[in-house]
Amino acid sequence: MRQNRGQQMNKTKRFRTLIVAALALGYALSTGSYAAAQKITPPTTPATITPPAGNSAFLVGHAVGTQGYVCLPTSTGASWTVNGSRPEAILSARFSRRNFEITHFLSPDTDPNESAPTPLPFGSPTWRSSQDGSVVWAKALTPPVASGSDASCPNTGAIPCLLLQSIGSKTGPSGGRRMSQTTFIQRLNTSGGSAPATGCSASTDVGKQALVPYTADYYFYAPRR
């Protein structure tokens, strides 16, 4: 009886060990490289807005939002200027057969990396995943691509297409890193969002603000593995 009981206990221990190992493997796979989990094929883009070699797209989100403008004085009167505090958009994204949203707005970079400017601006373009709470901050690289000048940016009169570089990131409250692995972001296929054609020409217009609807596709890149 003791021998049988000992054999049974050993079997139970081995079973528990296998279960723990399986759970650990599953966790490792679920928190591993998001970039390797799905393949995104972005459109061919001009060299000025193409991420450097060694980066691959792992996520794409379709944005619907507004671009803000403020009327400021000029030497000849006044003109609309991008209001850096007012980019606002919601990106609809899909990953591993699950739909989720990414919020795009302006916020202070609280965890800058080596690419962050010095001093930091009061706020930087921000993307936060609704799924795991991870965040990436980025800065636009120049020059942009004028809308209507390339198949990846076809809509004449829209805001330009851009390449942005990560200047900081933060994992989510539970360690999620959907956005924090991002190295570069492309804004492509823009529509709308340009400054109003009227309403800001005289000194009496100074101080007016406008929110102009726009849509775009954002491609997120991470180091290729």
Protein backbone atom coordinates (compact mmCIF):
# COMPACT_ATOMS: atom_id res chain seq x y z
CA MET A 1 0.00 0.00 0.00
CA ARG A 2 2.79 2.43 0.88
CA GLN A 3 4.49 1.70 -2.46
CA ASN A 4 1.25 2.34 -4.36
CA ARG A 5 0.66 5.50 -2.38
CA GLY A 6 4.19 6.70 -3.14
CA GLN A 7 3.76 5.98 -6.84
CA GLN A 8 0.49 7.89 -6.86
CA MET A 9 2.10 10.89 -5.14
CA ASN A 10 4.94 10.90 -7.67
CA LYS A 11 2.43 10.83 -10.55
CA THR A 12 0.56 13.73 -8.98
CA LYS A 13 3.78 15.75 -8.63
CA ARG A 14 4.74 15.09 -12.23
CA PHE A 15 1.26 16.11 -13.39
CA ARG A 16 1.44 19.34 -11.43
CA THR A 17 4.88 20.06 -12.86
CA LEU A 18 3.57 19.58 -16.40
CA ILE A 19 0.62 21.89 -15.71
CA VAL A 20 2.89 24.63 -14.33
CA ALA A 21 5.22 24.28 -17.31
CA ALA A 22 2.31 24.51 -19.74
CA LEU A 23 0.95 27.62 -18.04
CA ALA A 24 4.39 29.24 -18.08
CA LEU A 25 4.78 28.50 -21.77
CA GLY A 26 1.34 29.90 -22.54
CA TYR A 27 2.14 33.07 -20.61
CA ALA A 28 5.44 33.47 -22.42
CA LEU A 29 3.75 33.10 -25.78
CA SER A 30 0.98 35.52 -24.91
CA THR A 31 3.41 38.21 -23.71
CA GLY A 32 6.03 37.59 -26.36
CA SER A 33 6.70 39.63 -29.46
CA TYR A 34 3.48 41.17 -30.73
CA ALA A 35 5.33 42.01 -33.93
CA ALA A 36 5.74 38.31 -34.69
CA ALA A 37 2.08 37.51 -33.96
CA GLN A 38 0.58 38.94 -37.15
CA LYS A 39 1.88 40.24 -40.46
CA ILE A 40 0.84 43.66 -41.70
CA THR A 41 1.76 44.75 -45.22
CA PRO A 42 1.82 48.56 -45.47
CA PRO A 43 1.73 50.28 -48.85
CA THR A 44 4.94 51.31 -50.59
CA THR A 45 5.82 54.84 -49.49
CA PRO A 46 8.33 57.55 -50.48
CA ALA A 47 11.74 57.13 -48.85
CA THR A 48 11.25 60.20 -46.64
CA ILE A 49 8.37 58.55 -44.75
CA THR A 50 9.56 54.92 -44.88
CA PRO A 51 10.85 53.51 -41.56
CA PRO A 52 14.51 52.42 -41.49
CA ALA A 53 15.43 48.84 -42.39
CA GLY A 54 15.04 46.43 -39.49
CA ASN A 55 11.52 47.57 -38.58
CA SER A 56 8.30 45.83 -39.62
CA ALA A 57 4.64 46.81 -39.30
CA PHE A 58 2.75 44.87 -36.61
CA LEU A 59 -0.46 46.89 -36.31
CA VAL A 60 -2.66 49.21 -38.34
CA GLY A 61 -5.44 51.43 -37.06
CA HIS A 62 -8.01 53.48 -38.96
CA ALA A 63 -8.40 56.89 -37.32
CA VAL A 64 -11.42 59.16 -37.19
CA GLY A 65 -10.79 62.44 -35.43
CA THR A 66 -10.20 66.18 -35.61
CA GLN A 67 -7.21 68.44 -36.22
CA GLY A 68 -7.24 71.68 -34.25
CA TYR A 69 -6.30 75.14 -35.54
CA VAL A 70 -5.97 78.53 -33.92
CA CYS A 71 -5.96 81.91 -35.69
CA LEU A 72 -2.72 83.77 -34.96
CA PRO A 73 -1.42 87.16 -36.09
CA THR A 74 1.02 87.48 -39.00
CA SER A 75 2.88 90.40 -40.57
CA THR A 76 0.05 90.80 -43.08
CA GLY A 77 -2.96 90.04 -40.88
CA ALA A 78 -3.66 86.57 -39.52
CA SER A 79 -3.60 82.91 -40.55
CA TRP A 80 -4.63 79.50 -39.26
CA THR A 81 -1.90 77.63 -37.37
CA VAL A 82 -2.01 74.03 -36.17
CA ASN A 83 -3.08 73.98 -32.54
CA GLY A 84 -0.61 71.45 -31.13
CA SER A 85 -2.77 70.81 -28.09
CA ARG A 86 -5.75 69.57 -30.08
CA PRO A 87 -5.12 66.43 -32.14
CA GLU A 88 -7.86 64.01 -31.10
CA ALA A 89 -8.77 60.72 -32.75
CA ILE A 90 -9.94 57.19 -32.10
CA LEU A 91 -8.24 54.41 -34.02
CA SER A 92 -10.08 51.18 -34.73
CA ALA A 93 -7.61 48.29 -34.76
CA ARG A 94 -7.66 44.50 -34.89
CA PHE A 95 -5.13 42.10 -33.39
CA SER A 96 -5.31 38.32 -33.16
CA ARG A 97 -8.98 38.37 -34.23
CA ARG A 98 -9.86 40.89 -31.53
CA ASN A 99 -11.06 44.43 -32.17
CA PHE A 100 -9.94 47.24 -29.89
CA GLU A 101 -9.43 51.00 -29.90
CA ILE A 102 -6.37 53.21 -29.70
CA THR A 103 -6.83 56.76 -28.40
CA HIS A 104 -4.72 59.45 -30.08
CA PHE A 105 -4.21 62.73 -28.24
CA LEU A 106 -1.50 65.03 -26.83
CA SER A 107 0.11 64.42 -23.43
CA PRO A 108 3.44 64.89 -21.60
CA ASP A 109 6.09 62.24 -22.32
CA THR A 110 6.66 60.74 -18.88
CA ASP A 111 9.22 58.12 -19.95
CA PRO A 112 11.40 59.63 -22.70
CA ASN A 113 13.94 57.56 -24.63
CA GLU A 114 17.21 58.50 -26.33
CA SER A 115 15.35 59.95 -29.35
CA ALA A 116 13.35 62.43 -27.26
CA PRO A 117 14.10 66.12 -27.86
CA THR A 118 15.68 68.27 -25.16
CA PRO A 119 13.90 70.03 -23.66
CA LEU A 120 10.74 67.99 -23.96
CA PRO A 121 7.72 69.81 -25.41
CA PHE A 122 4.80 70.45 -23.08
CA GLY A 123 2.95 67.65 -24.86
CA SER A 124 3.68 65.06 -27.56
CA PRO A 125 1.50 62.99 -29.91
CA THR A 126 0.31 60.02 -27.88
CA TRP A 127 -1.31 56.66 -28.69
CA ARG A 128 -2.84 54.56 -25.89
CA SER A 129 -4.28 51.07 -26.28
CA SER A 130 -7.70 50.51 -24.74
CA GLN A 131 -6.87 46.83 -24.53
CA ASP A 132 -3.83 46.84 -22.25
CA GLY A 133 -3.23 50.52 -21.39
CA SER A 134 0.22 50.66 -23.00
CA VAL A 135 1.35 54.01 -24.42
CA VAL A 136 3.76 55.39 -27.02
CA TRP A 137 4.80 59.02 -27.55
CA ALA A 138 6.27 60.13 -30.87
CA LYS A 139 7.64 63.09 -32.82
CA ALA A 140 7.09 63.82 -36.51
CA LEU A 141 10.13 63.52 -38.76
CA THR A 142 10.56 65.80 -41.76
CA PRO A 143 9.87 66.28 -44.55
CA PRO A 144 6.26 65.08 -44.77
CA VAL A 145 4.63 63.95 -48.01
CA ALA A 146 2.02 66.29 -49.47
CA SER A 147 -1.39 64.74 -49.92
CA GLY A 148 -2.20 63.92 -53.52
CA SER A 149 1.45 63.36 -54.44
CA ASP A 150 1.71 59.60 -53.89
CA ALA A 151 -0.51 56.51 -53.97
CA SER A 152 -0.02 56.11 -50.20
CA CYS A 153 -1.28 59.66 -49.70
CA PRO A 154 -3.78 60.11 -52.54
CA ASN A 155 -6.30 62.70 -51.35
CA THR A 156 -5.39 66.18 -52.54
CA GLY A 157 -6.04 68.90 -49.98
CA ALA A 158 -5.81 66.63 -46.94
CA ILE A 159 -3.28 66.92 -44.14
CA PRO A 160 0.13 65.53 -45.15
CA CYS A 161 1.35 61.98 -44.62
CA LEU A 162 4.05 61.56 -41.99
CA LEU A 163 6.68 59.34 -40.45
CA LEU A 164 6.91 59.62 -36.67
CA GLN A 165 9.55 58.21 -34.36
CA SER A 166 8.97 56.95 -30.83
CA ILE A 167 10.37 59.29 -28.18
CA GLY A 168 9.04 57.40 -25.17
CA SER A 169 6.76 54.58 -24.11
CA LYS A 170 5.11 52.98 -21.12
CA THR A 171 3.75 49.48 -20.51
CA GLY A 172 0.19 49.03 -19.33
CA PRO A 173 -0.84 48.57 -15.67
CA SER A 174 -0.59 44.78 -16.03
CA GLY A 175 2.58 44.79 -18.12
CA GLY A 176 0.94 44.93 -21.55
CA ARG A 177 3.14 46.37 -24.29
CA ARG A 178 0.97 46.49 -27.37
CA MET A 179 1.94 50.12 -28.02
CA SER A 180 5.16 50.42 -26.02
CA GLN A 181 7.11 48.21 -28.45
CA THR A 182 6.54 50.80 -31.22
CA THR A 183 9.61 52.33 -32.87
CA PHE A 184 8.02 54.21 -35.80
CA ILE A 185 4.52 55.25 -36.91
CA GLN A 186 3.31 56.12 -40.40
CA ARG A 187 0.29 58.35 -40.99
CA LEU A 188 -1.00 57.46 -44.46
CA ASN A 189 -4.11 57.74 -46.63
CA THR A 190 -5.15 60.99 -44.99
CA SER A 191 -8.46 62.65 -45.82
CA GLY A 192 -9.58 66.07 -44.60
CA GLY A 193 -8.02 67.84 -41.62
CA SER A 194 -6.56 70.83 -43.45
CA ALA A 195 -6.96 74.37 -42.16
CA PRO A 196 -10.22 76.16 -43.03
CA ALA A 197 -10.11 78.28 -46.18
CA THR A 198 -11.81 81.23 -44.49
CA GLY A 199 -12.34 82.80 -41.09
CA CYS A 200 -8.80 83.91 -40.30
CA SER A 201 -7.48 86.84 -42.32
CA ALA A 202 -7.82 89.96 -40.19
CA SER A 203 -6.54 90.98 -36.79
CA THR A 204 -10.10 90.78 -35.49
CA ASP A 205 -10.06 87.04 -36.22
CA VAL A 206 -7.06 86.37 -33.96
CA GLY A 207 -7.91 83.87 -31.24
CA LYS A 208 -10.54 81.97 -33.19
CA GLN A 209 -10.25 78.19 -33.11
CA ALA A 210 -11.44 75.45 -35.43
CA LEU A 211 -11.69 71.67 -35.27
CA VAL A 212 -11.51 70.05 -38.71
CA PRO A 213 -12.55 66.39 -39.13
CA TYR A 214 -10.02 63.99 -40.67
CA THR A 215 -9.40 60.30 -41.24
CA ALA A 216 -6.13 58.44 -41.72
CA ASP A 217 -4.47 55.05 -41.46
CA TYR A 218 -1.75 54.68 -38.84
CA TYR A 219 0.83 51.89 -39.26
CA PHE A 220 2.83 50.92 -36.18
CA TYR A 221 6.31 49.42 -36.50
CA ALA A 222 8.52 47.44 -34.13
CA PRO A 223 12.02 45.92 -34.47
CA ARG A 224 11.96 42.99 -36.87
CA ARG A 225 12.58 39.61 -35.22
